């Protein structure tokens, strides 16, 4: 191969690499991610999500009344929960980190319910029986809805399980944590949901 051919080949390869990098950076059309929005102080209104109720949990008034009203038709939508701050936890029974964070979620629910903040589980990719068995084994007493696929969590921008979102009373996402949460995360999510103040990741 001549020196000129080597130069041309190198230029073509370099151009292809640059094109791939640009595609990766701009392929989303420059749309900001949830983390981008929150870091810039912008709350995000999620796409409407309506899912069948998996378990009602033991919520007493007034949160139990909110859940019962929303689930009258057997399904719960985030829109129906507006007016109530919500901490939404995306989970699956086969997820090890979901099991690991269960004690944190139990403590979070114990702190959130008296303050009028609803903890809501969003189970994905499980059969109903297996999901309910996980809830019972982990002693999770807050309500959960079920998504047999992962379309609902994708509409929230979730990339895996577990992920947890804080929604204020207006239904806007004001905080998000990817992966298993700890007690400090739980306190930050609760504060964000309750106050509507954005808490960046």
N, C-alpha and C. Protein backbone atom coordinates (compact mmCIF):
# COMPACT_ATOMS: atom_id res chain seq x y z
N UNK A 1 0.85 -1.18 0.00
CA UNK A 1 0.00 0.00 0.00
C UNK A 1 0.90 1.24 0.00
N UNK A 2 0.55 2.20 -0.86
CA UNK A 2 1.36 3.41 -0.96
C UNK A 2 1.10 4.32 0.23
N UNK A 3 1.99 5.29 0.40
CA UNK A 3 1.83 6.24 1.49
C UNK A 3 0.53 7.03 1.32
N UNK A 4 0.20 7.35 0.07
CA UNK A 4 -1.04 8.11 -0.19
C UNK A 4 -2.26 7.27 0.19
N UNK A 5 -2.25 5.98 -0.15
CA UNK A 5 -3.37 5.09 0.18
C UNK A 5 -3.53 4.96 1.69
N UNK A 6 -2.39 4.88 2.40
CA UNK A 6 -2.44 4.80 3.87
C UNK A 6 -3.06 6.08 4.45
N UNK A 7 -2.67 7.22 3.91
CA UNK A 7 -3.20 8.51 4.38
C UNK A 7 -4.70 8.59 4.14
N UNK A 8 -5.14 8.21 2.94
CA UNK A 8 -6.57 8.25 2.61
C UNK A 8 -7.35 7.32 3.51
N UNK A 9 -6.84 6.11 3.73
CA UNK A 9 -7.51 5.14 4.60
C UNK A 9 -7.62 5.68 6.02
N UNK A 10 -6.55 6.28 6.52
CA UNK A 10 -6.56 6.84 7.87
C UNK A 10 -7.59 7.96 7.98
N UNK A 11 -7.68 8.80 6.95
CA UNK A 11 -8.67 9.90 6.95
C UNK A 11 -10.09 9.37 6.95
N UNK A 12 -10.33 8.33 6.15
CA UNK A 12 -11.67 7.74 6.09
C UNK A 12 -12.05 7.14 7.44
N UNK A 13 -11.12 6.42 8.05
CA UNK A 13 -11.39 5.83 9.37
C UNK A 13 -11.63 6.89 10.43
N UNK A 14 -10.83 7.96 10.40
CA UNK A 14 -11.00 9.04 11.37
C UNK A 14 -12.36 9.72 11.18
N UNK A 15 -12.76 9.92 9.91
CA UNK A 15 -14.06 10.54 9.63
C UNK A 15 -15.20 9.65 10.13
N UNK A 16 -15.05 8.34 9.91
CA UNK A 16 -16.08 7.41 10.38
C UNK A 16 -16.19 7.44 11.90
N UNK A 17 -15.06 7.50 12.59
CA UNK A 17 -15.06 7.55 14.05
C UNK A 17 -15.73 8.82 14.55
N UNK A 18 -15.42 9.94 13.93
CA UNK A 18 -16.04 11.22 14.31
C UNK A 18 -17.54 11.16 14.08
N UNK A 19 -17.96 10.58 12.93
CA UNK A 19 -19.38 10.46 12.64
C UNK A 19 -20.10 9.62 13.69
N UNK A 20 -19.46 8.52 14.11
CA UNK A 20 -20.05 7.67 15.15
C UNK A 20 -20.18 8.41 16.48
N UNK A 21 -19.16 9.16 16.83
CA UNK A 21 -19.21 9.93 18.08
C UNK A 21 -20.32 10.97 18.03
N UNK A 22 -20.43 11.66 16.91
CA UNK A 22 -21.49 12.66 16.77
C UNK A 22 -22.86 12.02 16.82
N UNK A 23 -23.01 10.85 16.19
CA UNK A 23 -24.29 10.14 16.23
C UNK A 23 -24.65 9.78 17.66
N UNK A 24 -23.66 9.31 18.42
CA UNK A 24 -23.90 8.96 19.81
C UNK A 24 -24.29 10.15 20.66
N UNK A 25 -23.66 11.30 20.38
CA UNK A 25 -23.96 12.50 21.16
C UNK A 25 -25.27 13.15 20.76
N UNK A 26 -25.58 13.10 19.47
CA UNK A 26 -26.75 13.82 18.97
C UNK A 26 -27.90 12.91 18.60
N UNK A 27 -27.72 11.62 18.73
CA UNK A 27 -28.73 10.66 18.31
C UNK A 27 -30.06 10.85 19.01
N UNK A 28 -30.03 11.40 20.22
CA UNK A 28 -31.27 11.65 20.95
C UNK A 28 -31.88 12.98 20.56
N UNK A 29 -31.31 13.62 19.55
CA UNK A 29 -31.84 14.92 19.16
C UNK A 29 -31.48 16.00 20.16
N UNK A 30 -30.49 15.72 21.01
CA UNK A 30 -30.09 16.72 21.99
C UNK A 30 -31.06 16.82 23.16
N UNK A 31 -32.02 15.91 23.25
CA UNK A 31 -33.01 15.97 24.33
C UNK A 31 -32.32 15.75 25.67
N UNK A 32 -32.64 16.59 26.65
CA UNK A 32 -32.01 16.41 27.96
C UNK A 32 -32.55 15.16 28.66
N UNK A 33 -31.72 14.55 29.46
CA UNK A 33 -32.15 13.41 30.26
C UNK A 33 -32.79 13.93 31.54
N UNK A 34 -33.42 13.02 32.28
CA UNK A 34 -34.01 13.40 33.57
C UNK A 34 -32.95 13.98 34.49
N UNK A 35 -31.77 13.35 34.53
CA UNK A 35 -30.68 13.86 35.38
C UNK A 35 -30.27 15.26 34.95
N UNK A 36 -30.23 15.50 33.63
CA UNK A 36 -29.90 16.84 33.13
C UNK A 36 -30.90 17.87 33.63
N UNK A 37 -32.19 17.54 33.47
CA UNK A 37 -33.24 18.47 33.88
C UNK A 37 -33.16 18.78 35.38
N UNK A 38 -33.04 17.72 36.19
CA UNK A 38 -33.00 17.93 37.64
C UNK A 38 -31.76 18.72 38.04
N UNK A 39 -30.63 18.45 37.39
CA UNK A 39 -29.41 19.19 37.75
C UNK A 39 -29.51 20.66 37.37
N UNK A 40 -30.36 20.97 36.39
CA UNK A 40 -30.59 22.36 35.98
C UNK A 40 -31.76 22.99 36.74
N UNK A 41 -32.29 22.27 37.72
CA UNK A 41 -33.38 22.82 38.54
C UNK A 41 -34.74 22.75 37.88
N UNK A 42 -34.89 21.85 36.90
CA UNK A 42 -36.16 21.72 36.19
C UNK A 42 -36.86 20.43 36.62
N UNK A 43 -38.09 20.55 37.14
CA UNK A 43 -38.90 19.37 37.43
C UNK A 43 -39.43 18.82 36.11
N UNK A 44 -39.77 17.54 36.09
CA UNK A 44 -40.21 16.87 34.87
C UNK A 44 -41.58 16.24 35.11
N UNK A 45 -42.52 16.53 34.23
CA UNK A 45 -43.83 15.88 34.31
C UNK A 45 -43.76 14.59 33.50
N UNK A 46 -43.92 13.44 34.16
CA UNK A 46 -43.79 12.17 33.43
C UNK A 46 -44.97 11.93 32.49
N UNK A 47 -44.74 11.04 31.53
CA UNK A 47 -45.83 10.62 30.65
C UNK A 47 -46.89 9.92 31.49
N UNK A 48 -48.16 10.00 31.07
CA UNK A 48 -49.22 9.32 31.85
C UNK A 48 -48.96 7.82 31.94
N UNK A 49 -49.08 7.29 33.13
CA UNK A 49 -48.87 5.85 33.37
C UNK A 49 -50.10 5.34 34.12
N UNK A 50 -50.75 4.33 33.57
CA UNK A 50 -51.89 3.69 34.23
C UNK A 50 -51.64 2.19 34.26
N UNK A 51 -51.65 1.62 35.46
CA UNK A 51 -51.30 0.21 35.63
C UNK A 51 -52.25 -0.48 36.61
N UNK A 52 -52.43 -1.79 36.47
CA UNK A 52 -53.29 -2.52 37.41
C UNK A 52 -52.68 -2.55 38.81
N UNK A 53 -53.56 -2.46 39.81
CA UNK A 53 -53.12 -2.54 41.20
C UNK A 53 -52.65 -3.96 41.49
N UNK A 54 -51.48 -4.11 42.05
CA UNK A 54 -50.95 -5.42 42.43
C UNK A 54 -51.35 -5.75 43.86
N UNK A 55 -51.03 -4.85 44.79
CA UNK A 55 -51.45 -4.99 46.19
C UNK A 55 -51.84 -3.60 46.70
N UNK A 56 -52.88 -3.57 47.53
CA UNK A 56 -53.33 -2.30 48.08
C UNK A 56 -52.44 -1.83 49.23
N UNK A 57 -51.89 -2.77 49.96
CA UNK A 57 -51.10 -2.40 51.13
C UNK A 57 -52.01 -2.07 52.30
N UNK A 58 -51.42 -1.50 53.33
CA UNK A 58 -52.15 -1.23 54.58
C UNK A 58 -52.35 0.25 54.84
N UNK A 59 -52.29 1.06 53.80
CA UNK A 59 -52.42 2.51 53.98
C UNK A 59 -53.75 2.85 54.64
N UNK A 60 -53.66 3.63 55.72
CA UNK A 60 -54.88 4.11 56.37
C UNK A 60 -55.25 5.48 55.82
N UNK A 61 -56.33 6.07 56.33
CA UNK A 61 -56.72 7.40 55.86
C UNK A 61 -55.62 8.41 56.22
N UNK A 62 -55.39 9.43 55.40
CA UNK A 62 -56.11 9.72 54.16
C UNK A 62 -55.50 9.04 52.93
N UNK A 63 -54.28 8.50 53.03
CA UNK A 63 -53.64 7.93 51.84
C UNK A 63 -54.37 6.69 51.34
N UNK A 64 -54.91 5.89 52.25
CA UNK A 64 -55.68 4.73 51.84
C UNK A 64 -56.89 5.14 51.01
N UNK A 65 -57.51 6.25 51.39
CA UNK A 65 -58.66 6.76 50.63
C UNK A 65 -58.24 7.19 49.23
N UNK A 66 -57.06 7.79 49.13
CA UNK A 66 -56.53 8.21 47.82
C UNK A 66 -56.31 6.99 46.94
N UNK A 67 -55.70 5.95 47.50
CA UNK A 67 -55.43 4.73 46.73
C UNK A 67 -56.73 4.07 46.32
N UNK A 68 -57.69 3.98 47.25
CA UNK A 68 -58.97 3.32 46.94
C UNK A 68 -59.71 4.07 45.84
N UNK A 69 -59.69 5.38 45.89
CA UNK A 69 -60.38 6.17 44.85
C UNK A 69 -59.70 5.98 43.50
N UNK A 70 -58.37 5.98 43.49
CA UNK A 70 -57.64 5.83 42.22
C UNK A 70 -57.83 4.43 41.65
N UNK A 71 -57.91 3.42 42.54
CA UNK A 71 -57.96 2.02 42.09
C UNK A 71 -59.39 1.49 41.98
N UNK A 72 -60.37 2.37 41.97
CA UNK A 72 -61.76 1.93 41.91
C UNK A 72 -62.02 1.01 40.72
N UNK A 73 -61.34 1.28 39.60
CA UNK A 73 -61.51 0.46 38.39
C UNK A 73 -60.46 -0.64 38.29
N UNK A 74 -59.68 -0.85 39.37
CA UNK A 74 -58.65 -1.88 39.37
C UNK A 74 -57.30 -1.40 38.87
N UNK A 75 -57.25 -0.15 38.41
CA UNK A 75 -56.01 0.42 37.90
C UNK A 75 -55.72 1.74 38.61
N UNK A 76 -54.45 2.10 38.60
CA UNK A 76 -54.01 3.35 39.22
C UNK A 76 -53.20 4.13 38.19
N UNK A 77 -53.49 5.41 38.05
CA UNK A 77 -52.67 6.25 37.18
C UNK A 77 -52.00 7.32 38.03
N UNK A 78 -50.84 7.75 37.59
CA UNK A 78 -50.15 8.82 38.30
C UNK A 78 -50.99 10.09 38.29
N UNK A 79 -51.75 10.30 37.22
CA UNK A 79 -52.61 11.49 37.14
C UNK A 79 -53.64 11.48 38.26
N UNK A 80 -54.20 10.30 38.56
CA UNK A 80 -55.21 10.20 39.63
C UNK A 80 -54.62 10.49 41.00
N UNK A 81 -53.31 10.38 41.12
CA UNK A 81 -52.67 10.59 42.42
C UNK A 81 -52.23 12.04 42.63
N UNK A 82 -52.44 12.89 41.63
CA UNK A 82 -52.05 14.30 41.80
C UNK A 82 -52.77 14.90 42.99
N UNK A 83 -52.06 15.74 43.69
CA UNK A 83 -52.57 16.29 44.95
C UNK A 83 -51.91 15.59 46.13
N UNK A 84 -51.30 14.44 45.86
CA UNK A 84 -50.60 13.67 46.89
C UNK A 84 -49.15 13.48 46.46
N UNK A 85 -48.19 13.86 47.29
CA UNK A 85 -46.78 13.56 46.96
C UNK A 85 -46.58 12.04 46.93
N UNK A 86 -45.76 11.58 45.99
CA UNK A 86 -45.56 10.14 45.79
C UNK A 86 -44.08 9.84 45.66
N UNK A 87 -43.65 8.77 46.32
CA UNK A 87 -42.32 8.21 46.07
C UNK A 87 -42.56 6.90 45.34
N UNK A 88 -42.12 6.81 44.10
CA UNK A 88 -42.38 5.68 43.23
C UNK A 88 -41.12 4.83 43.09
N UNK A 89 -41.20 3.59 43.51
CA UNK A 89 -40.05 2.68 43.46
C UNK A 89 -40.30 1.59 42.43
N UNK A 90 -39.43 1.52 41.42
CA UNK A 90 -39.52 0.50 40.37
C UNK A 90 -38.72 -0.71 40.83
N UNK A 91 -39.37 -1.89 40.84
CA UNK A 91 -38.73 -3.07 41.40
C UNK A 91 -39.15 -4.34 40.65
N UNK A 92 -38.44 -5.42 40.92
CA UNK A 92 -38.77 -6.74 40.38
C UNK A 92 -38.32 -7.79 41.40
N UNK A 93 -39.03 -8.90 41.45
CA UNK A 93 -38.74 -9.93 42.46
C UNK A 93 -37.39 -10.60 42.22
N UNK A 94 -36.93 -10.61 40.97
CA UNK A 94 -35.67 -11.29 40.64
C UNK A 94 -34.46 -10.38 40.80
N UNK A 95 -34.69 -9.17 41.29
CA UNK A 95 -33.63 -8.15 41.40
C UNK A 95 -33.01 -8.19 42.80
N UNK A 96 -31.73 -8.59 42.88
CA UNK A 96 -31.04 -8.64 44.17
C UNK A 96 -31.00 -7.30 44.89
N UNK A 97 -30.62 -6.19 44.22
CA UNK A 97 -30.62 -4.90 44.89
C UNK A 97 -32.00 -4.46 45.38
N UNK A 98 -33.08 -4.93 44.70
CA UNK A 98 -34.43 -4.60 45.17
C UNK A 98 -34.68 -5.25 46.53
N UNK A 99 -34.23 -6.48 46.67
CA UNK A 99 -34.36 -7.17 47.95
C UNK A 99 -33.52 -6.47 49.01
N UNK A 100 -32.32 -6.06 48.64
CA UNK A 100 -31.41 -5.41 49.59
C UNK A 100 -31.97 -4.09 50.11
N UNK A 101 -32.72 -3.36 49.26
CA UNK A 101 -33.22 -2.06 49.70
C UNK A 101 -34.57 -2.16 50.42
N UNK A 102 -35.15 -3.35 50.51
CA UNK A 102 -36.46 -3.50 51.15
C UNK A 102 -36.53 -2.94 52.57
N UNK A 103 -35.54 -3.19 53.43
CA UNK A 103 -35.62 -2.60 54.78
C UNK A 103 -35.65 -1.07 54.74
N UNK A 104 -34.92 -0.48 53.80
CA UNK A 104 -34.92 0.98 53.68
C UNK A 104 -36.32 1.47 53.27
N UNK A 105 -36.95 0.75 52.35
CA UNK A 105 -38.29 1.13 51.90
C UNK A 105 -39.32 0.95 53.01
N UNK A 106 -39.16 -0.06 53.84
CA UNK A 106 -40.07 -0.21 54.99
C UNK A 106 -39.95 0.98 55.93
N UNK A 107 -38.72 1.39 56.21
CA UNK A 107 -38.51 2.55 57.08
C UNK A 107 -39.02 3.83 56.42
N UNK A 108 -38.81 3.94 55.11
CA UNK A 108 -39.29 5.12 54.38
C UNK A 108 -40.80 5.22 54.47
N UNK A 109 -41.51 4.13 54.27
CA UNK A 109 -42.97 4.14 54.33
C UNK A 109 -43.45 4.49 55.74
N UNK A 110 -42.77 3.99 56.76
CA UNK A 110 -43.14 4.32 58.14
C UNK A 110 -43.00 5.81 58.41
N UNK A 111 -42.00 6.45 57.78
CA UNK A 111 -41.80 7.89 57.96
C UNK A 111 -42.72 8.70 57.04
N UNK A 112 -42.99 8.19 55.84
CA UNK A 112 -43.73 8.96 54.83
C UNK A 112 -45.23 9.00 55.10
N UNK A 113 -45.80 7.87 55.49
CA UNK A 113 -47.27 7.81 55.63
C UNK A 113 -47.82 8.86 56.59
N UNK A 114 -47.24 9.03 57.79
CA UNK A 114 -47.78 10.06 58.70
C UNK A 114 -47.65 11.48 58.14
N UNK A 115 -46.74 11.66 57.19
CA UNK A 115 -46.52 12.99 56.61
C UNK A 115 -47.34 13.20 55.33
N UNK A 116 -48.18 12.23 54.98
CA UNK A 116 -49.05 12.38 53.82
C UNK A 116 -48.38 12.12 52.50
N UNK A 117 -47.24 11.40 52.52
CA UNK A 117 -46.52 11.07 51.28
C UNK A 117 -46.73 9.59 51.01
N UNK A 118 -47.22 9.28 49.81
CA UNK A 118 -47.51 7.90 49.43
C UNK A 118 -46.27 7.24 48.84
N UNK A 119 -45.90 6.09 49.37
CA UNK A 119 -44.88 5.26 48.72
C UNK A 119 -45.64 4.27 47.85
N UNK A 120 -45.25 4.18 46.59
CA UNK A 120 -45.93 3.31 45.63
C UNK A 120 -44.89 2.48 44.90
N UNK A 121 -45.04 1.16 44.94
CA UNK A 121 -44.16 0.28 44.19
C UNK A 121 -44.66 0.12 42.76
N UNK A 122 -43.72 -0.01 41.84
CA UNK A 122 -44.05 -0.31 40.45
C UNK A 122 -43.29 -1.57 40.07
N UNK A 123 -44.00 -2.70 40.10
CA UNK A 123 -43.39 -3.98 39.78
C UNK A 123 -43.37 -4.18 38.28
N UNK A 124 -42.26 -4.69 37.77
CA UNK A 124 -42.17 -4.94 36.33
C UNK A 124 -41.61 -6.32 36.04
N UNK A 125 -42.06 -6.86 34.92
CA UNK A 125 -41.55 -8.12 34.36
C UNK A 125 -41.66 -9.29 35.33
N UNK A 126 -42.73 -9.34 36.11
CA UNK A 126 -42.97 -10.45 37.02
C UNK A 126 -44.36 -11.02 36.76
N UNK A 127 -44.56 -12.29 37.03
CA UNK A 127 -45.92 -12.80 37.08
C UNK A 127 -46.51 -12.34 38.41
N UNK A 128 -47.82 -12.17 38.42
CA UNK A 128 -48.50 -11.59 39.58
C UNK A 128 -48.20 -12.37 40.87
N UNK A 129 -48.25 -13.68 40.82
CA UNK A 129 -48.05 -14.52 42.00
C UNK A 129 -46.66 -14.32 42.59
N UNK A 130 -45.66 -14.28 41.73
CA UNK A 130 -44.28 -14.11 42.19
C UNK A 130 -44.08 -12.73 42.80
N UNK A 131 -44.67 -11.73 42.17
CA UNK A 131 -44.55 -10.36 42.69
C UNK A 131 -45.19 -10.24 44.07
N UNK A 132 -46.38 -10.83 44.22
CA UNK A 132 -47.06 -10.76 45.52
C UNK A 132 -46.30 -11.53 46.60
N UNK A 133 -45.67 -12.63 46.20
CA UNK A 133 -44.87 -13.41 47.16
C UNK A 133 -43.69 -12.57 47.65
N UNK A 134 -43.06 -11.81 46.75
CA UNK A 134 -41.94 -10.95 47.13
C UNK A 134 -42.41 -9.89 48.13
N UNK A 135 -43.55 -9.28 47.85
CA UNK A 135 -44.11 -8.26 48.75
C UNK A 135 -44.31 -8.85 50.14
N UNK A 136 -44.88 -10.05 50.21
CA UNK A 136 -45.14 -10.69 51.50
C UNK A 136 -43.83 -11.05 52.22
N UNK A 137 -42.88 -11.62 51.48
CA UNK A 137 -41.61 -12.02 52.09
C UNK A 137 -40.83 -10.83 52.63
N UNK A 138 -40.88 -9.71 51.90
CA UNK A 138 -40.12 -8.53 52.31
C UNK A 138 -40.91 -7.61 53.23
N UNK A 139 -42.15 -8.00 53.56
CA UNK A 139 -43.01 -7.24 54.48
C UNK A 139 -43.18 -5.78 54.01
N UNK A 140 -43.49 -5.62 52.73
CA UNK A 140 -43.71 -4.30 52.15
C UNK A 140 -45.20 -4.00 52.23
N UNK A 141 -45.58 -3.01 53.02
CA UNK A 141 -47.00 -2.78 53.30
C UNK A 141 -47.56 -1.57 52.56
N UNK A 142 -46.78 -0.97 51.69
CA UNK A 142 -47.32 0.13 50.86
C UNK A 142 -47.90 -0.46 49.58
N UNK A 143 -48.73 0.29 48.86
CA UNK A 143 -49.34 -0.23 47.63
C UNK A 143 -48.31 -0.42 46.52
N UNK A 144 -48.62 -1.35 45.62
CA UNK A 144 -47.81 -1.54 44.41
C UNK A 144 -48.73 -1.75 43.22
N UNK A 145 -48.29 -1.25 42.08
CA UNK A 145 -48.95 -1.51 40.80
C UNK A 145 -48.04 -2.44 40.01
N UNK A 146 -48.58 -2.99 38.91
CA UNK A 146 -47.82 -4.00 38.17
C UNK A 146 -47.78 -3.67 36.69
N UNK A 147 -46.59 -3.78 36.11
CA UNK A 147 -46.37 -3.65 34.68
C UNK A 147 -45.75 -4.96 34.22
N UNK A 148 -46.51 -5.77 33.48
CA UNK A 148 -46.01 -7.07 33.04
C UNK A 148 -44.83 -6.97 32.10
N UNK A 149 -44.62 -5.80 31.50
CA UNK A 149 -43.46 -5.57 30.64
C UNK A 149 -42.53 -4.61 31.37
N UNK A 150 -41.96 -3.67 30.66
CA UNK A 150 -41.22 -2.60 31.32
C UNK A 150 -41.53 -1.27 30.63
N UNK A 151 -42.67 -1.21 29.93
CA UNK A 151 -43.02 -0.01 29.18
C UNK A 151 -43.25 1.19 30.09
N UNK A 152 -43.91 0.97 31.22
CA UNK A 152 -44.20 2.08 32.13
C UNK A 152 -42.92 2.67 32.68
N UNK A 153 -41.99 1.80 33.11
CA UNK A 153 -40.75 2.31 33.67
C UNK A 153 -39.92 3.01 32.59
N UNK A 154 -39.97 2.49 31.36
CA UNK A 154 -39.26 3.17 30.27
C UNK A 154 -39.82 4.56 30.03
N UNK A 155 -41.15 4.70 30.17
CA UNK A 155 -41.76 6.01 29.96
C UNK A 155 -41.31 7.01 31.02
N UNK A 156 -40.87 6.49 32.17
CA UNK A 156 -40.32 7.35 33.22
C UNK A 156 -38.84 7.65 32.99
N UNK A 157 -38.24 6.93 32.05
CA UNK A 157 -36.81 7.11 31.79
C UNK A 157 -35.94 6.14 32.56
N UNK A 158 -36.57 5.13 33.20
CA UNK A 158 -35.79 4.16 33.97
C UNK A 158 -34.98 3.28 33.03
N UNK A 159 -33.80 2.92 33.48
CA UNK A 159 -32.92 2.07 32.68
C UNK A 159 -32.71 0.71 33.32
N UNK A 160 -33.27 0.50 34.49
CA UNK A 160 -33.10 -0.78 35.17
C UNK A 160 -33.89 -0.79 36.45
N UNK A 161 -33.63 -1.78 37.29
CA UNK A 161 -34.26 -1.86 38.60
C UNK A 161 -33.17 -2.07 39.65
N UNK A 162 -33.34 -1.51 40.82
CA UNK A 162 -34.42 -0.59 41.19
C UNK A 162 -34.11 0.84 40.80
N UNK A 163 -35.14 1.63 40.65
CA UNK A 163 -35.02 3.08 40.50
C UNK A 163 -36.15 3.71 41.30
N UNK A 164 -35.89 4.86 41.87
CA UNK A 164 -36.87 5.51 42.73
C UNK A 164 -37.01 6.97 42.35
N UNK A 165 -38.27 7.41 42.29
CA UNK A 165 -38.61 8.77 41.88
C UNK A 165 -39.42 9.45 42.98
N UNK A 166 -39.17 10.73 43.19
CA UNK A 166 -40.01 11.54 44.07
C UNK A 166 -40.85 12.45 43.20
N UNK A 167 -42.17 12.36 43.35
CA UNK A 167 -43.10 13.24 42.63
C UNK A 167 -43.76 14.15 43.64
N UNK A 168 -43.80 15.43 43.34
CA UNK A 168 -44.46 16.36 44.26
C UNK A 168 -45.98 16.28 44.07
N UNK A 169 -46.71 17.09 44.83
CA UNK A 169 -48.17 17.04 44.79
C UNK A 169 -48.74 17.44 43.43
N UNK A 170 -47.93 18.11 42.61
CA UNK A 170 -48.37 18.48 41.26
C UNK A 170 -48.09 17.37 40.25
N UNK A 171 -47.49 16.27 40.70
CA UNK A 171 -47.21 15.14 39.82
C UNK A 171 -45.92 15.27 39.04
N UNK A 172 -45.05 16.19 39.45
CA UNK A 172 -43.78 16.41 38.76
C UNK A 172 -42.66 15.62 39.44
N UNK A 173 -41.77 15.02 38.64
CA UNK A 173 -40.60 14.35 39.20
C UNK A 173 -39.63 15.43 39.68
N UNK A 174 -39.33 15.39 40.98
CA UNK A 174 -38.44 16.40 41.56
C UNK A 174 -37.14 15.78 42.10
N UNK A 175 -37.08 14.45 42.12
CA UNK A 175 -35.85 13.77 42.54
C UNK A 175 -35.87 12.36 41.99
N UNK A 176 -34.68 11.79 41.82
CA UNK A 176 -34.54 10.45 41.24
C UNK A 176 -33.27 9.81 41.75
N UNK A 177 -33.34 8.53 42.02
CA UNK A 177 -32.16 7.76 42.38
C UNK A 177 -32.17 6.45 41.59
N UNK A 178 -31.08 6.16 40.91
CA UNK A 178 -30.93 4.89 40.21
C UNK A 178 -30.17 3.93 41.12
N UNK A 179 -30.60 2.69 41.16
CA UNK A 179 -29.97 1.71 42.03
C UNK A 179 -30.64 1.68 43.39
N UNK A 180 -30.19 0.77 44.22
CA UNK A 180 -30.77 0.62 45.56
C UNK A 180 -30.52 1.88 46.38
N UNK A 181 -31.56 2.33 47.08
CA UNK A 181 -31.42 3.53 47.90
C UNK A 181 -30.98 3.16 49.31
N UNK A 182 -30.32 4.12 49.97
CA UNK A 182 -29.98 3.97 51.38
C UNK A 182 -30.84 4.95 52.17
N UNK A 183 -30.64 5.00 53.48
CA UNK A 183 -31.48 5.86 54.31
C UNK A 183 -31.31 7.34 53.98
N UNK A 184 -30.11 7.75 53.62
CA UNK A 184 -29.89 9.16 53.25
C UNK A 184 -30.65 9.50 51.96
N UNK A 185 -30.61 8.58 50.99
CA UNK A 185 -31.39 8.77 49.77
C UNK A 185 -32.88 8.87 50.10
N UNK A 186 -33.33 7.97 50.97
CA UNK A 186 -34.75 7.95 51.33
C UNK A 186 -35.18 9.28 51.94
N UNK A 187 -34.35 9.83 52.82
CA UNK A 187 -34.68 11.12 53.44
C UNK A 187 -34.73 12.23 52.39
N UNK A 188 -33.78 12.21 51.44
CA UNK A 188 -33.75 13.24 50.39
C UNK A 188 -34.98 13.12 49.49
N UNK A 189 -35.36 11.90 49.13
CA UNK A 189 -36.53 11.69 48.29
C UNK A 189 -37.80 12.13 49.01
N UNK A 190 -37.91 11.81 50.28
CA UNK A 190 -39.09 12.19 51.05
C UNK A 190 -39.19 13.71 51.15
N UNK A 191 -38.07 14.36 51.43
CA UNK A 191 -38.06 15.82 51.53
C UNK A 191 -38.46 16.46 50.20
N UNK A 192 -37.94 15.93 49.10
CA UNK A 192 -38.25 16.49 47.78
C UNK A 192 -39.72 16.31 47.45
N UNK A 193 -40.26 15.12 47.70
CA UNK A 193 -41.68 14.88 47.41
C UNK A 193 -42.57 15.78 48.24
N UNK A 194 -42.23 15.94 49.50
CA UNK A 194 -43.05 16.71 50.44
C UNK A 194 -43.01 18.21 50.13
N UNK A 195 -41.85 18.71 49.79
CA UNK A 195 -41.69 20.17 49.60
C UNK A 195 -41.82 20.61 48.16
N UNK A 196 -41.61 19.67 47.22
CA UNK A 196 -41.59 20.05 45.81
C UNK A 196 -40.28 20.69 45.38
N UNK A 197 -39.29 20.70 46.28
CA UNK A 197 -37.99 21.25 45.92
C UNK A 197 -37.17 20.20 45.22
N UNK A 198 -36.52 20.59 44.15
CA UNK A 198 -35.77 19.65 43.32
C UNK A 198 -34.50 19.22 44.04
N UNK A 199 -34.24 17.93 44.02
CA UNK A 199 -33.02 17.37 44.60
C UNK A 199 -32.29 16.63 43.48
N UNK A 200 -31.24 17.24 42.96
CA UNK A 200 -30.48 16.63 41.89
C UNK A 200 -29.77 15.39 42.39
N UNK A 201 -29.43 14.48 41.46
CA UNK A 201 -28.76 13.23 41.84
C UNK A 201 -27.34 13.50 42.28
